[in-house]
Amino acid sequence: MAKPRFVDDPLSAEIDRLARSCDHRVLALWAAECAERVLPLFEKEFPQDDRPRTAILKLREWERTGVFGCPRCAGRR
């Protein structure tokens, strides 16, 4: 088994193992749902910053279509 990339918490190795063994679309849905729960708190503090909402929308679009379309990420491959 490969060494975990992060070890800031005792659960890090288990989280890393789980992330490597799960379908990426399942992880994307989980991440979007987690982010959506705290998005209102973020937007209350930073109403002009639309990056988290945009990222969630792009993540859900990728999960639905399989096409990753992030303008900021284009050409970074």
C-alpha atoms as a PDB file:
ATOM      1  CA  MET A   1       0.000   0.000   0.000  1.00  0.00           C
ATOM      2  CA  ALA A   2       1.265   3.444  -0.921  1.00  0.00           C
ATOM      3  CA  LYS A   3       2.126   5.901   1.841  1.00  0.00           C
ATOM      4  CA  PRO A   4      -0.723   8.380   2.478  1.00  0.00           C
ATOM      5  CA  ARG A   5      -0.166  11.808   0.990  1.00  0.00           C
ATOM      6  CA  PHE A   6      -1.245  13.560   4.160  1.00  0.00           C
ATOM      7  CA  VAL A   7      -0.891  12.563   7.790  1.00  0.00           C
ATOM      8  CA  ASP A   8      -2.264  15.488   9.777  1.00  0.00           C
ATOM      9  CA  ASP A   9      -4.738  13.326  11.678  1.00  0.00           C
ATOM     10  CA  PRO A  10      -4.881   9.682  12.782  1.00  0.00           C
ATOM     11  CA  LEU A  11      -7.774   9.146  10.346  1.00  0.00           C
ATOM     12  CA  SER A  12      -5.824  10.522   7.383  1.00  0.00           C
ATOM     13  CA  ALA A  13      -4.535   7.136   6.255  1.00  0.00           C
ATOM     14  CA  GLU A  14      -8.031   5.662   6.411  1.00  0.00           C
ATOM     15  CA  ILE A  15      -9.517   8.614   4.533  1.00  0.00           C
ATOM     16  CA  ASP A  16      -6.778   8.314   1.901  1.00  0.00           C
ATOM     17  CA  ARG A  17      -7.464   4.583   1.517  1.00  0.00           C
ATOM     18  CA  LEU A  18     -11.186   5.182   1.216  1.00  0.00           C
ATOM     19  CA  ALA A  19     -10.739   7.958  -1.344  1.00  0.00           C
ATOM     20  CA  ARG A  20      -8.490   5.760  -3.482  1.00  0.00           C
ATOM     21  CA  SER A  21     -10.972   2.876  -3.402  1.00  0.00           C
ATOM     22  CA  CYS A  22     -14.150   4.850  -4.209  1.00  0.00           C
ATOM     23  CA  ASP A  23     -15.565   5.945  -7.513  1.00  0.00           C
ATOM     24  CA  HIS A  24     -14.564   9.551  -8.151  1.00  0.00           C
ATOM     25  CA  ARG A  25     -18.123  10.541  -8.984  1.00  0.00           C
ATOM     26  CA  VAL A  26     -19.281   9.279  -5.586  1.00  0.00           C
ATOM     27  CA  LEU A  27     -16.552  11.321  -3.928  1.00  0.00           C
ATOM     28  CA  ALA A  28     -17.543  14.355  -6.008  1.00  0.00           C
ATOM     29  CA  LEU A  29     -21.151  14.095  -4.859  1.00  0.00           C
ATOM     30  CA  TRP A  30     -20.052  13.732  -1.247  1.00  0.00           C
ATOM     31  CA  ALA A  31     -17.741  16.760  -1.529  1.00  0.00           C
ATOM     32  CA  ALA A  32     -20.464  18.869  -3.168  1.00  0.00           C
ATOM     33  CA  GLU A  33     -22.967  17.963  -0.465  1.00  0.00           C
ATOM     34  CA  CYS A  34     -20.499  18.808   2.296  1.00  0.00           C
ATOM     35  CA  ALA A  35     -19.619  22.138   0.691  1.00  0.00           C
ATOM     36  CA  GLU A  36     -23.264  23.043   0.115  1.00  0.00           C
ATOM     37  CA  ARG A  37     -23.988  22.653   3.821  1.00  0.00           C
ATOM     38  CA  VAL A  38     -21.547  25.406   4.774  1.00  0.00           C
ATOM     39  CA  LEU A  39     -21.902  27.563   1.652  1.00  0.00           C
ATOM     40  CA  PRO A  40     -24.489  29.901   3.253  1.00  0.00           C
ATOM     41  CA  LEU A  41     -22.059  30.617   6.095  1.00  0.00           C
ATOM     42  CA  PHE A  42     -19.268  31.416   3.639  1.00  0.00           C
ATOM     43  CA  GLU A  43     -21.502  33.577   1.451  1.00  0.00           C
ATOM     44  CA  LYS A  44     -22.709  35.517   4.491  1.00  0.00           C
ATOM     45  CA  GLU A  45     -19.110  36.445   5.345  1.00  0.00           C
ATOM     46  CA  PHE A  46     -17.921  36.903   1.755  1.00  0.00           C
ATOM     47  CA  PRO A  47     -20.953  37.804  -0.385  1.00  0.00           C
ATOM     48  CA  GLN A  48     -18.867  38.943  -3.360  1.00  0.00           C
ATOM     49  CA  ASP A  49     -16.824  35.729  -3.597  1.00  0.00           C
ATOM     50  CA  ASP A  50     -18.587  33.353  -5.959  1.00  0.00           C
ATOM     51  CA  ARG A  51     -15.724  30.841  -6.306  1.00  0.00           C
ATOM     52  CA  PRO A  52     -17.111  28.186  -3.926  1.00  0.00           C
ATOM     53  CA  ARG A  53     -20.573  28.253  -5.536  1.00  0.00           C
ATOM     54  CA  THR A  54     -19.013  28.120  -9.014  1.00  0.00           C
ATOM     55  CA  ALA A  55     -16.791  25.217  -7.987  1.00  0.00           C
ATOM     56  CA  ILE A  56     -19.771  23.281  -6.641  1.00  0.00           C
ATOM     57  CA  LEU A  57     -21.728  23.913  -9.849  1.00  0.00           C
ATOM     58  CA  LYS A  58     -18.775  22.767 -11.979  1.00  0.00           C
ATOM     59  CA  LEU A  59     -18.331  19.688  -9.803  1.00  0.00           C
ATOM     60  CA  ARG A  60     -21.982  18.745 -10.166  1.00  0.00           C
ATOM     61  CA  GLU A  61     -21.790  19.381 -13.922  1.00  0.00           C
ATOM     62  CA  TRP A  62     -18.769  17.077 -14.184  1.00  0.00           C
ATOM     63  CA  GLU A  63     -20.540  14.398 -12.163  1.00  0.00           C
ATOM     64  CA  ARG A  64     -23.588  14.637 -14.426  1.00  0.00           C
ATOM     65  CA  THR A  65     -21.832  14.879 -17.820  1.00  0.00           C
ATOM     66  CA  GLY A  66     -18.339  13.499 -17.314  1.00  0.00           C
ATOM     67  CA  VAL A  67     -16.965  16.666 -18.922  1.00  0.00           C
ATOM     68  CA  PHE A  68     -14.692  18.855 -16.821  1.00  0.00           C
ATOM     69  CA  GLY A  69     -15.041  22.483 -17.856  1.00  0.00           C
ATOM     70  CA  CYS A  70     -13.194  24.813 -15.534  1.00  0.00           C
ATOM     71  CA  PRO A  71     -11.954  27.892 -17.452  1.00  0.00           C
ATOM     72  CA  ARG A  72      -9.262  28.579 -14.844  1.00  0.00           C
ATOM     73  CA  CYS A  73      -8.005  25.004 -15.145  1.00  0.00           C
ATOM     74  CA  ALA A  74      -7.908  24.824 -18.940  1.00  0.00           C
ATOM     75  CA  GLY A  75      -4.428  24.062 -20.160  1.00  0.00           C
ATOM     76  CA  ARG A  76      -3.099  22.875 -16.780  1.00  0.00           C
ATOM     77  CA  ARG A  77      -2.908  19.210 -17.738  1.00  0.00           C
END
